Amino acid sequence: MADQDLTKAQWRRRALRAEKEVETLRRFREFDGRMARENAEVCARQAVALQEIEESLQAMRGDING
């Protein structure tokens, strides 16, 4: 069936389906963005923790080597 042969009801269903797909894609992007931010925060916290551990180890080596 060609596009020009569609009834108003068919066009409406097609439009509603397209709107639902757009909303689904928007939610996926929103979720991806949220996950990316959370991952960046975790990486930043881990980097700080690792730096603090390295600094503590250096301080202990200095105390041991005195």
PDB file of N, CA and C in Angstrom:
ATOM      1  N   MET A   1       0.854  -1.185   0.000  1.00  0.00           N
ATOM      2  CA  MET A   1       0.000   0.000   0.000  1.00  0.00           C
ATOM      3  C   MET A   1       0.895   1.242   0.000  1.00  0.00           C
ATOM      4  N   ALA A   2       0.667   2.134  -0.917  1.00  0.00           N
ATOM      5  CA  ALA A   2       1.445   3.372  -1.023  1.00  0.00           C
ATOM      6  C   ALA A   2       1.035   4.325   0.091  1.00  0.00           C
ATOM      7  N   ASP A   3       1.977   5.226   0.471  1.00  0.00           N
ATOM      8  CA  ASP A   3       1.698   6.168   1.551  1.00  0.00           C
ATOM      9  C   ASP A   3       0.445   6.995   1.293  1.00  0.00           C
ATOM     10  N   GLN A   4       0.225   7.403   0.040  1.00  0.00           N
ATOM     11  CA  GLN A   4      -0.928   8.258  -0.248  1.00  0.00           C
ATOM     12  C   GLN A   4      -2.248   7.503  -0.115  1.00  0.00           C
ATOM     13  N   ASP A   5      -2.196   6.166  -0.063  1.00  0.00           N
ATOM     14  CA  ASP A   5      -3.410   5.371   0.049  1.00  0.00           C
ATOM     15  C   ASP A   5      -3.806   5.087   1.503  1.00  0.00           C
ATOM     16  N   LEU A   6      -3.016   5.545   2.463  1.00  0.00           N
ATOM     17  CA  LEU A   6      -3.320   5.275   3.870  1.00  0.00           C
ATOM     18  C   LEU A   6      -4.516   6.098   4.333  1.00  0.00           C
ATOM     19  N   THR A   7      -5.311   5.499   5.209  1.00  0.00           N
ATOM     20  CA  THR A   7      -6.452   6.218   5.794  1.00  0.00           C
ATOM     21  C   THR A   7      -5.958   7.097   6.930  1.00  0.00           C
ATOM     22  N   LYS A   8      -6.841   7.977   7.409  1.00  0.00           N
ATOM     23  CA  LYS A   8      -6.488   8.840   8.540  1.00  0.00           C
ATOM     24  C   LYS A   8      -6.141   7.998   9.762  1.00  0.00           C
ATOM     25  N   ALA A   9      -6.881   6.933   9.989  1.00  0.00           N
ATOM     26  CA  ALA A   9      -6.612   6.065  11.142  1.00  0.00           C
ATOM     27  C   ALA A   9      -5.236   5.413  11.013  1.00  0.00           C
ATOM     28  N   GLN A  10      -4.879   5.008   9.820  1.00  0.00           N
ATOM     29  CA  GLN A  10      -3.571   4.396   9.614  1.00  0.00           C
ATOM     30  C   GLN A  10      -2.451   5.420   9.819  1.00  0.00           C
ATOM     31  N   TRP A  11      -2.676   6.648   9.317  1.00  0.00           N
ATOM     32  CA  TRP A  11      -1.690   7.707   9.536  1.00  0.00           C
ATOM     33  C   TRP A  11      -1.541   7.992  11.031  1.00  0.00           C
ATOM     34  N   ARG A  12      -2.671   8.017  11.731  1.00  0.00           N
ATOM     35  CA  ARG A  12      -2.647   8.284  13.174  1.00  0.00           C
ATOM     36  C   ARG A  12      -1.871   7.184  13.902  1.00  0.00           C
ATOM     37  N   ARG A  13      -2.133   5.928  13.567  1.00  0.00           N
ATOM     38  CA  ARG A  13      -1.412   4.816  14.194  1.00  0.00           C
ATOM     39  C   ARG A  13       0.086   4.910  13.885  1.00  0.00           C
ATOM     40  N   ARG A  14       0.392   5.246  12.656  1.00  0.00           N
ATOM     41  CA  ARG A  14       1.803   5.378  12.260  1.00  0.00           C
ATOM     42  C   ARG A  14       2.466   6.503  13.059  1.00  0.00           C
ATOM     43  N   ALA A  15       1.761   7.622  13.207  1.00  0.00           N
ATOM     44  CA  ALA A  15       2.302   8.757  13.965  1.00  0.00           C
ATOM     45  C   ALA A  15       2.482   8.392  15.441  1.00  0.00           C
ATOM     46  N   LEU A  16       1.518   7.707  16.022  1.00  0.00           N
ATOM     47  CA  LEU A  16       1.612   7.309  17.423  1.00  0.00           C
ATOM     48  C   LEU A  16       2.770   6.328  17.632  1.00  0.00           C
ATOM     49  N   ARG A  17       2.940   5.410  16.687  1.00  0.00           N
ATOM     50  CA  ARG A  17       4.045   4.459  16.765  1.00  0.00           C
ATOM     51  C   ARG A  17       5.392   5.199  16.677  1.00  0.00           C
ATOM     52  N   ALA A  18       5.463   6.163  15.790  1.00  0.00           N
ATOM     53  CA  ALA A  18       6.700   6.949  15.642  1.00  0.00           C
ATOM     54  C   ALA A  18       6.990   7.744  16.917  1.00  0.00           C
ATOM     55  N   GLU A  19       5.956   8.329  17.516  1.00  0.00           N
ATOM     56  CA  GLU A  19       6.137   9.079  18.757  1.00  0.00           C
ATOM     57  C   GLU A  19       6.634   8.163  19.870  1.00  0.00           C
ATOM     58  N   LYS A  20       6.092   6.967  19.930  1.00  0.00           N
ATOM     59  CA  LYS A  20       6.523   6.007  20.945  1.00  0.00           C
ATOM     60  C   LYS A  20       7.985   5.617  20.723  1.00  0.00           C
ATOM     61  N   GLU A  21       8.389   5.418  19.482  1.00  0.00           N
ATOM     62  CA  GLU A  21       9.779   5.083  19.180  1.00  0.00           C
ATOM     63  C   GLU A  21      10.708   6.223  19.577  1.00  0.00           C
ATOM     64  N   VAL A  22      10.293   7.456  19.292  1.00  0.00           N
ATOM     65  CA  VAL A  22      11.106   8.615  19.665  1.00  0.00           C
ATOM     66  C   VAL A  22      11.246   8.684  21.181  1.00  0.00           C
ATOM     67  N   GLU A  23      10.163   8.451  21.901  1.00  0.00           N
ATOM     68  CA  GLU A  23      10.212   8.474  23.371  1.00  0.00           C
ATOM     69  C   GLU A  23      11.131   7.367  23.897  1.00  0.00           C
ATOM     70  N   THR A  24      11.074   6.199  23.306  1.00  0.00           N
ATOM     71  CA  THR A  24      11.950   5.092  23.712  1.00  0.00           C
ATOM     72  C   THR A  24      13.410   5.456  23.486  1.00  0.00           C
ATOM     73  N   LEU A  25      13.718   6.026  22.328  1.00  0.00           N
ATOM     74  CA  LEU A  25      15.091   6.438  22.033  1.00  0.00           C
ATOM     75  C   LEU A  25      15.561   7.526  22.993  1.00  0.00           C
ATOM     76  N   ARG A  26      14.661   8.463  23.323  1.00  0.00           N
ATOM     77  CA  ARG A  26      14.999   9.528  24.277  1.00  0.00           C
ATOM     78  C   ARG A  26      15.356   8.927  25.636  1.00  0.00           C
ATOM     79  N   ARG A  27      14.565   7.936  26.059  1.00  0.00           N
ATOM     80  CA  ARG A  27      14.842   7.294  27.348  1.00  0.00           C
ATOM     81  C   ARG A  27      16.167   6.547  27.322  1.00  0.00           C
ATOM     82  N   PHE A  28      16.477   5.884  26.203  1.00  0.00           N
ATOM     83  CA  PHE A  28      17.765   5.207  26.080  1.00  0.00           C
ATOM     84  C   PHE A  28      18.907   6.211  26.193  1.00  0.00           C
ATOM     85  N   ARG A  29      18.799   7.338  25.498  1.00  0.00           N
ATOM     86  CA  ARG A  29      19.849   8.355  25.551  1.00  0.00           C
ATOM     87  C   ARG A  29      19.994   8.916  26.953  1.00  0.00           C
ATOM     88  N   GLU A  30      18.863   9.152  27.612  1.00  0.00           N
ATOM     89  CA  GLU A  30      18.883   9.661  28.977  1.00  0.00           C
ATOM     90  C   GLU A  30      19.581   8.663  29.905  1.00  0.00           C
ATOM     91  N   PHE A  31      19.246   7.382  29.753  1.00  0.00           N
ATOM     92  CA  PHE A  31      19.869   6.336  30.558  1.00  0.00           C
ATOM     93  C   PHE A  31      21.375   6.268  30.277  1.00  0.00           C
ATOM     94  N   ASP A  32      21.744   6.307  29.001  1.00  0.00           N
ATOM     95  CA  ASP A  32      23.163   6.266  28.630  1.00  0.00           C
ATOM     96  C   ASP A  32      23.918   7.442  29.234  1.00  0.00           C
ATOM     97  N   GLY A  33      23.316   8.613  29.182  1.00  0.00           N
ATOM     98  CA  GLY A  33      23.953   9.793  29.756  1.00  0.00           C
ATOM     99  C   GLY A  33      24.134   9.664  31.252  1.00  0.00           C
ATOM    100  N   ARG A  34      23.104   9.157  31.915  1.00  0.00           N
ATOM    101  CA  ARG A  34      23.176   8.966  33.364  1.00  0.00           C
ATOM    102  C   ARG A  34      24.270   7.949  33.712  1.00  0.00           C
ATOM    103  N   MET A  35      24.332   6.862  32.956  1.00  0.00           N
ATOM    104  CA  MET A  35      25.356   5.844  33.206  1.00  0.00           C
ATOM    105  C   MET A  35      26.764   6.405  32.960  1.00  0.00           C
ATOM    106  N   ALA A  36      26.919   7.209  31.925  1.00  0.00           N
ATOM    107  CA  ALA A  36      28.225   7.812  31.633  1.00  0.00           C
ATOM    108  C   ALA A  36      28.654   8.733  32.777  1.00  0.00           C
ATOM    109  N   ARG A  37      27.710   9.530  33.299  1.00  0.00           N
ATOM    110  CA  ARG A  37      28.039  10.414  34.424  1.00  0.00           C
ATOM    111  C   ARG A  37      28.419   9.603  35.658  1.00  0.00           C
ATOM    112  N   GLU A  38      27.648   8.544  35.937  1.00  0.00           N
ATOM    113  CA  GLU A  38      27.943   7.709  37.096  1.00  0.00           C
ATOM    114  C   GLU A  38      29.311   7.042  36.948  1.00  0.00           C
ATOM    115  N   ASN A  39      29.619   6.554  35.762  1.00  0.00           N
ATOM    116  CA  ASN A  39      30.923   5.931  35.526  1.00  0.00           C
ATOM    117  C   ASN A  39      32.055   6.937  35.701  1.00  0.00           C
ATOM    118  N   ALA A  40      31.850   8.156  35.229  1.00  0.00           N
ATOM    119  CA  ALA A  40      32.871   9.201  35.380  1.00  0.00           C
ATOM    120  C   ALA A  40      33.092   9.507  36.863  1.00  0.00           C
ATOM    121  N   GLU A  41      32.013   9.558  37.637  1.00  0.00           N
ATOM    122  CA  GLU A  41      32.137   9.817  39.076  1.00  0.00           C
ATOM    123  C   GLU A  41      32.886   8.687  39.767  1.00  0.00           C
ATOM    124  N   VAL A  42      32.570   7.445  39.422  1.00  0.00           N
ATOM    125  CA  VAL A  42      33.253   6.292  40.019  1.00  0.00           C
ATOM    126  C   VAL A  42      34.738   6.337  39.672  1.00  0.00           C
ATOM    127  N   CYS A  43      35.058   6.600  38.418  1.00  0.00           N
ATOM    128  CA  CYS A  43      36.468   6.681  38.005  1.00  0.00           C
ATOM    129  C   CYS A  43      37.199   7.779  38.760  1.00  0.00           C
ATOM    130  N   ALA A  44      36.542   8.901  38.948  1.00  0.00           N
ATOM    131  CA  ALA A  44      37.168  10.009  39.666  1.00  0.00           C
ATOM    132  C   ALA A  44      37.411   9.630  41.127  1.00  0.00           C
ATOM    133  N   ARG A  45      36.422   8.993  41.766  1.00  0.00           N
ATOM    134  CA  ARG A  45      36.609   8.567  43.161  1.00  0.00           C
ATOM    135  C   ARG A  45      37.725   7.535  43.274  1.00  0.00           C
ATOM    136  N   GLN A  46      37.779   6.614  42.324  1.00  0.00           N
ATOM    137  CA  GLN A  46      38.836   5.603  42.347  1.00  0.00           C
ATOM    138  C   GLN A  46      40.210   6.235  42.139  1.00  0.00           C
ATOM    139  N   ALA A  47      40.293   7.218  41.269  1.00  0.00           N
ATOM    140  CA  ALA A  47      41.566   7.892  41.032  1.00  0.00           C
ATOM    141  C   ALA A  47      42.036   8.606  42.293  1.00  0.00           C
ATOM    142  N   VAL A  48      41.109   9.254  42.996  1.00  0.00           N
ATOM    143  CA  VAL A  48      41.462   9.942  44.244  1.00  0.00           C
ATOM    144  C   VAL A  48      41.910   8.923  45.291  1.00  0.00           C
ATOM    145  N   ALA A  49      41.160   7.828  45.405  1.00  0.00           N
ATOM    146  CA  ALA A  49      41.521   6.796  46.382  1.00  0.00           C
ATOM    147  C   ALA A  49      42.900   6.222  46.072  1.00  0.00           C
ATOM    148  N   LEU A  50      43.168   5.947  44.805  1.00  0.00           N
ATOM    149  CA  LEU A  50      44.474   5.404  44.417  1.00  0.00           C
ATOM    150  C   LEU A  50      45.588   6.392  44.733  1.00  0.00           C
ATOM    151  N   GLN A  51      45.351   7.656  44.474  1.00  0.00           N
ATOM    152  CA  GLN A  51      46.355   8.682  44.787  1.00  0.00           C
ATOM    153  C   GLN A  51      46.616   8.729  46.293  1.00  0.00           C
ATOM    154  N   GLU A  52      45.561   8.633  47.093  1.00  0.00           N
ATOM    155  CA  GLU A  52      45.728   8.648  48.548  1.00  0.00           C
ATOM    156  C   GLU A  52      46.497   7.416  49.022  1.00  0.00           C
ATOM    157  N   ILE A  53      46.221   6.269  48.430  1.00  0.00           N
ATOM    158  CA  ILE A  53      46.948   5.041  48.777  1.00  0.00           C
ATOM    159  C   ILE A  53      48.419   5.187  48.427  1.00  0.00           C
ATOM    160  N   GLU A  54      48.702   5.705  47.240  1.00  0.00           N
ATOM    161  CA  GLU A  54      50.094   5.899  46.821  1.00  0.00           C
ATOM    162  C   GLU A  54      50.819   6.856  47.759  1.00  0.00           C
ATOM    163  N   GLU A  55      50.143   7.928  48.159  1.00  0.00           N
ATOM    164  CA  GLU A  55      50.753   8.887  49.075  1.00  0.00           C
ATOM    165  C   GLU A  55      51.019   8.244  50.437  1.00  0.00           C
ATOM    166  N   SER A  56      50.083   7.415  50.915  1.00  0.00           N
ATOM    167  CA  SER A  56      50.264   6.729  52.194  1.00  0.00           C
ATOM    168  C   SER A  56      51.439   5.758  52.124  1.00  0.00           C
ATOM    169  N   LEU A  57      51.537   5.017  51.031  1.00  0.00           N
ATOM    170  CA  LEU A  57      52.651   4.078  50.862  1.00  0.00           C
ATOM    171  C   LEU A  57      53.983   4.809  50.831  1.00  0.00           C
ATOM    172  N   GLN A  58      54.029   5.943  50.128  1.00  0.00           N
ATOM    173  CA  GLN A  58      55.260   6.735  50.083  1.00  0.00           C
ATOM    174  C   GLN A  58      55.640   7.210  51.484  1.00  0.00           C
ATOM    175  N   ALA A  59      54.654   7.651  52.243  1.00  0.00           N
ATOM    176  CA  ALA A  59      54.922   8.118  53.615  1.00  0.00           C
ATOM    177  C   ALA A  59      55.426   6.972  54.486  1.00  0.00           C
ATOM    178  N   MET A  60      54.836   5.784  54.338  1.00  0.00           N
ATOM    179  CA  MET A  60      55.287   4.630  55.134  1.00  0.00           C
ATOM    180  C   MET A  60      56.690   4.216  54.730  1.00  0.00           C
ATOM    181  N   ARG A  61      57.003   4.273  53.442  1.00  0.00           N
ATOM    182  CA  ARG A  61      58.369   3.941  52.992  1.00  0.00           C
ATOM    183  C   ARG A  61      59.365   4.919  53.595  1.00  0.00           C
ATOM    184  N   GLY A  62      58.971   6.185  53.649  1.00  0.00           N
ATOM    185  CA  GLY A  62      59.849   7.197  54.238  1.00  0.00           C
ATOM    186  C   GLY A  62      60.079   6.935  55.712  1.00  0.00           C
ATOM    187  N   ASP A  63      59.014   6.505  56.427  1.00  0.00           N
ATOM    188  CA  ASP A  63      59.149   6.203  57.850  1.00  0.00           C
ATOM    189  C   ASP A  63      60.033   4.971  58.064  1.00  0.00           C
ATOM    190  N   ILE A  64      59.872   3.961  57.217  1.00  0.00           N
ATOM    191  CA  ILE A  64      60.646   2.730  57.348  1.00  0.00           C
ATOM    192  C   ILE A  64      62.114   2.991  57.022  1.00  0.00           C
ATOM    193  N   ASN A  65      62.359   3.735  55.971  1.00  0.00           N
ATOM    194  CA  ASN A  65      63.733   4.016  55.531  1.00  0.00           C
ATOM    195  C   ASN A  65      64.384   5.132  56.354  1.00  0.00           C
ATOM    196  N   GLY A  66      63.574   5.799  57.116  1.00  0.00           N
ATOM    197  CA  GLY A  66      63.877   6.820  58.024  1.00  0.00           C
ATOM    198  C   GLY A  66      64.948   7.735  57.943  1.00  0.00           C
TER     199      GLY A  66
END
